[in-house]
Amino acid sequence: MARCGISEAPRGFSLIEVLVALAILAVLASTVVSQSGAFSSQLFRLEDKTLALWVAQNALDGARLAEVPPVAGKPVDVEMGGKNWYVSTRVQPTPRPGFSRIEVSVAREGEDDTVLVLTGFRADAR
């Protein structure tokens, strides 16, 4: 039996309310997607920096442990982390006698930009 003159309360959301909610969700989703893209590119850059640091530390340790200091020359190819790296080493005298400054530069294979430069010192053999 229907009652005359008494209307029921409307149920659900209006079309405007649904469209506003969808617009808010679209803005949030686009922000999340753009931030995840920026995060992933930073993650790859951080991975490159970490691998380059390991390569440079290995080269610097090798130069420190060698009986004869390395001579600057052609870059050496090194594989680390599934990637190929160019390592160049430069040895310079220091103002203090008996010590040399060693500078190791690491770049990705096929790229001109240096990813990392590491500097260390070694005592010369007497």
Protein backbone atom coordinates (compact mmCIF):
# COMPACT_ATOMS: atom_id res chain seq x y z
CA MET A 1 0.00 0.00 0.00
CA ALA A 2 1.37 3.34 -1.06
CA ARG A 3 0.90 6.39 1.07
CA CYS A 4 -0.25 9.46 -0.70
CA GLY A 5 1.64 12.75 -0.28
CA ILE A 6 4.70 11.30 1.46
CA SER A 7 7.83 10.97 -0.71
CA GLU A 8 10.67 8.62 0.04
CA ALA A 9 14.17 9.97 0.69
CA PRO A 10 16.37 9.72 -2.42
CA ARG A 11 18.90 6.88 -2.39
CA GLY A 12 22.44 6.83 -3.84
CA PHE A 13 24.56 9.65 -5.26
CA SER A 14 23.62 12.20 -7.85
CA LEU A 15 25.43 12.32 -11.18
CA ILE A 16 27.33 15.47 -10.16
CA GLU A 17 28.62 13.82 -6.98
CA VAL A 18 29.83 10.78 -8.94
CA LEU A 19 31.59 12.97 -11.53
CA VAL A 20 33.34 15.01 -8.80
CA ALA A 21 34.53 11.83 -7.09
CA LEU A 22 35.83 10.47 -10.42
CA ALA A 23 37.67 13.75 -11.11
CA ILE A 24 39.36 13.60 -7.70
CA LEU A 25 40.39 9.98 -8.27
CA ALA A 26 41.75 10.84 -11.74
CA VAL A 27 43.91 13.64 -10.31
CA LEU A 28 45.23 11.35 -7.56
CA ALA A 29 45.95 8.55 -10.03
CA SER A 30 47.87 10.84 -12.40
CA THR A 31 49.94 12.16 -9.47
CA VAL A 32 50.78 8.65 -8.33
CA VAL A 33 51.79 7.59 -11.86
CA SER A 34 54.02 10.62 -12.43
CA GLN A 35 55.69 10.22 -9.03
CA SER A 36 56.33 6.52 -9.62
CA GLY A 37 58.01 7.40 -12.93
CA ALA A 38 60.25 9.92 -11.19
CA PHE A 39 61.01 7.40 -8.46
CA SER A 40 61.99 4.68 -10.93
CA SER A 41 64.34 7.01 -12.82
CA GLN A 42 65.97 8.03 -9.52
CA LEU A 43 66.27 4.36 -8.61
CA PHE A 44 68.14 3.57 -11.85
CA ARG A 45 70.44 6.58 -11.30
CA LEU A 46 71.16 5.43 -7.75
CA GLU A 47 71.94 1.92 -9.01
CA ASP A 48 74.39 3.36 -11.55
CA LYS A 49 76.07 5.50 -8.88
CA THR A 50 76.42 2.53 -6.53
CA LEU A 51 77.89 0.24 -9.19
CA ALA A 52 80.23 3.02 -10.37
CA LEU A 53 81.41 3.52 -6.78
CA TRP A 54 82.21 -0.18 -6.45
CA VAL A 55 84.10 -0.15 -9.75
CA ALA A 56 86.05 2.97 -8.71
CA GLN A 57 86.87 1.54 -5.27
CA ASN A 58 88.16 -1.68 -6.87
CA ALA A 59 90.35 0.31 -9.28
CA LEU A 60 91.63 2.59 -6.50
CA ASP A 61 92.43 -0.39 -4.26
CA GLY A 62 94.26 -2.07 -7.14
CA ALA A 63 96.31 1.08 -7.75
CA ARG A 64 97.15 1.37 -4.05
CA LEU A 65 98.26 -2.27 -3.82
CA ALA A 66 100.29 -2.31 -7.04
CA GLU A 67 104.05 -2.26 -6.65
CA VAL A 68 104.31 0.32 -9.44
CA PRO A 69 101.75 3.15 -9.62
CA PRO A 70 99.43 2.91 -12.63
CA VAL A 71 100.23 4.98 -15.70
CA ALA A 72 97.48 7.10 -17.21
CA GLY A 73 96.41 5.76 -20.55
CA LYS A 74 93.56 4.13 -22.35
CA PRO A 75 90.45 3.48 -20.25
CA VAL A 76 90.01 -0.09 -19.03
CA ASP A 77 86.77 -2.01 -19.63
CA VAL A 78 85.24 -3.47 -16.47
CA GLU A 79 82.03 -5.49 -16.09
CA MET A 80 80.07 -4.97 -12.88
CA GLY A 81 76.41 -5.66 -12.18
CA GLY A 82 75.70 -6.81 -15.72
CA LYS A 83 76.90 -3.46 -17.13
CA ASN A 84 80.13 -2.46 -18.82
CA TRP A 85 82.14 0.47 -17.45
CA TYR A 86 85.12 2.50 -18.65
CA VAL A 87 87.65 3.18 -15.90
CA SER A 88 90.41 5.76 -16.34
CA THR A 89 93.07 6.32 -13.73
CA ARG A 90 95.25 9.42 -13.37
CA VAL A 91 98.21 9.60 -10.99
CA GLN A 92 99.64 12.96 -9.93
CA PRO A 93 102.35 13.98 -7.51
CA THR A 94 101.37 15.73 -4.30
CA PRO A 95 103.15 18.57 -2.50
CA ARG A 96 104.18 16.05 0.13
CA PRO A 97 107.09 13.89 -1.06
CA GLY A 98 106.51 10.15 -1.07
CA PHE A 99 102.78 10.36 -1.81
CA SER A 100 100.79 10.26 -5.04
CA ARG A 101 97.24 11.38 -5.74
CA ILE A 102 95.16 8.81 -7.66
CA GLU A 103 91.99 9.91 -9.45
CA VAL A 104 89.69 7.22 -10.84
CA SER A 105 86.93 8.22 -13.28
CA VAL A 106 84.12 5.80 -14.14
CA ALA A 107 81.73 6.13 -17.08
CA ARG A 108 79.13 3.83 -18.64
CA GLU A 109 80.14 2.10 -21.84
CA GLY A 110 79.08 4.15 -24.85
CA GLU A 111 78.42 7.33 -22.84
CA ASP A 112 80.60 10.41 -22.57
CA ASP A 113 79.35 11.54 -19.15
CA THR A 114 81.39 10.48 -16.14
CA VAL A 115 79.19 8.82 -13.55
CA LEU A 116 81.67 9.07 -10.68
CA VAL A 117 85.14 10.37 -9.83
CA LEU A 118 86.94 8.92 -6.80
CA THR A 119 90.19 10.32 -5.41
CA GLY A 120 92.64 8.59 -3.11
CA PHE A 121 96.29 8.67 -2.12
CA ARG A 122 99.08 6.14 -1.94
CA ALA A 123 102.49 6.09 -0.39
CA ASP A 124 105.19 5.66 -3.00
CA ALA A 125 107.71 2.85 -2.59
CA ARG A 126 110.98 4.03 -1.16
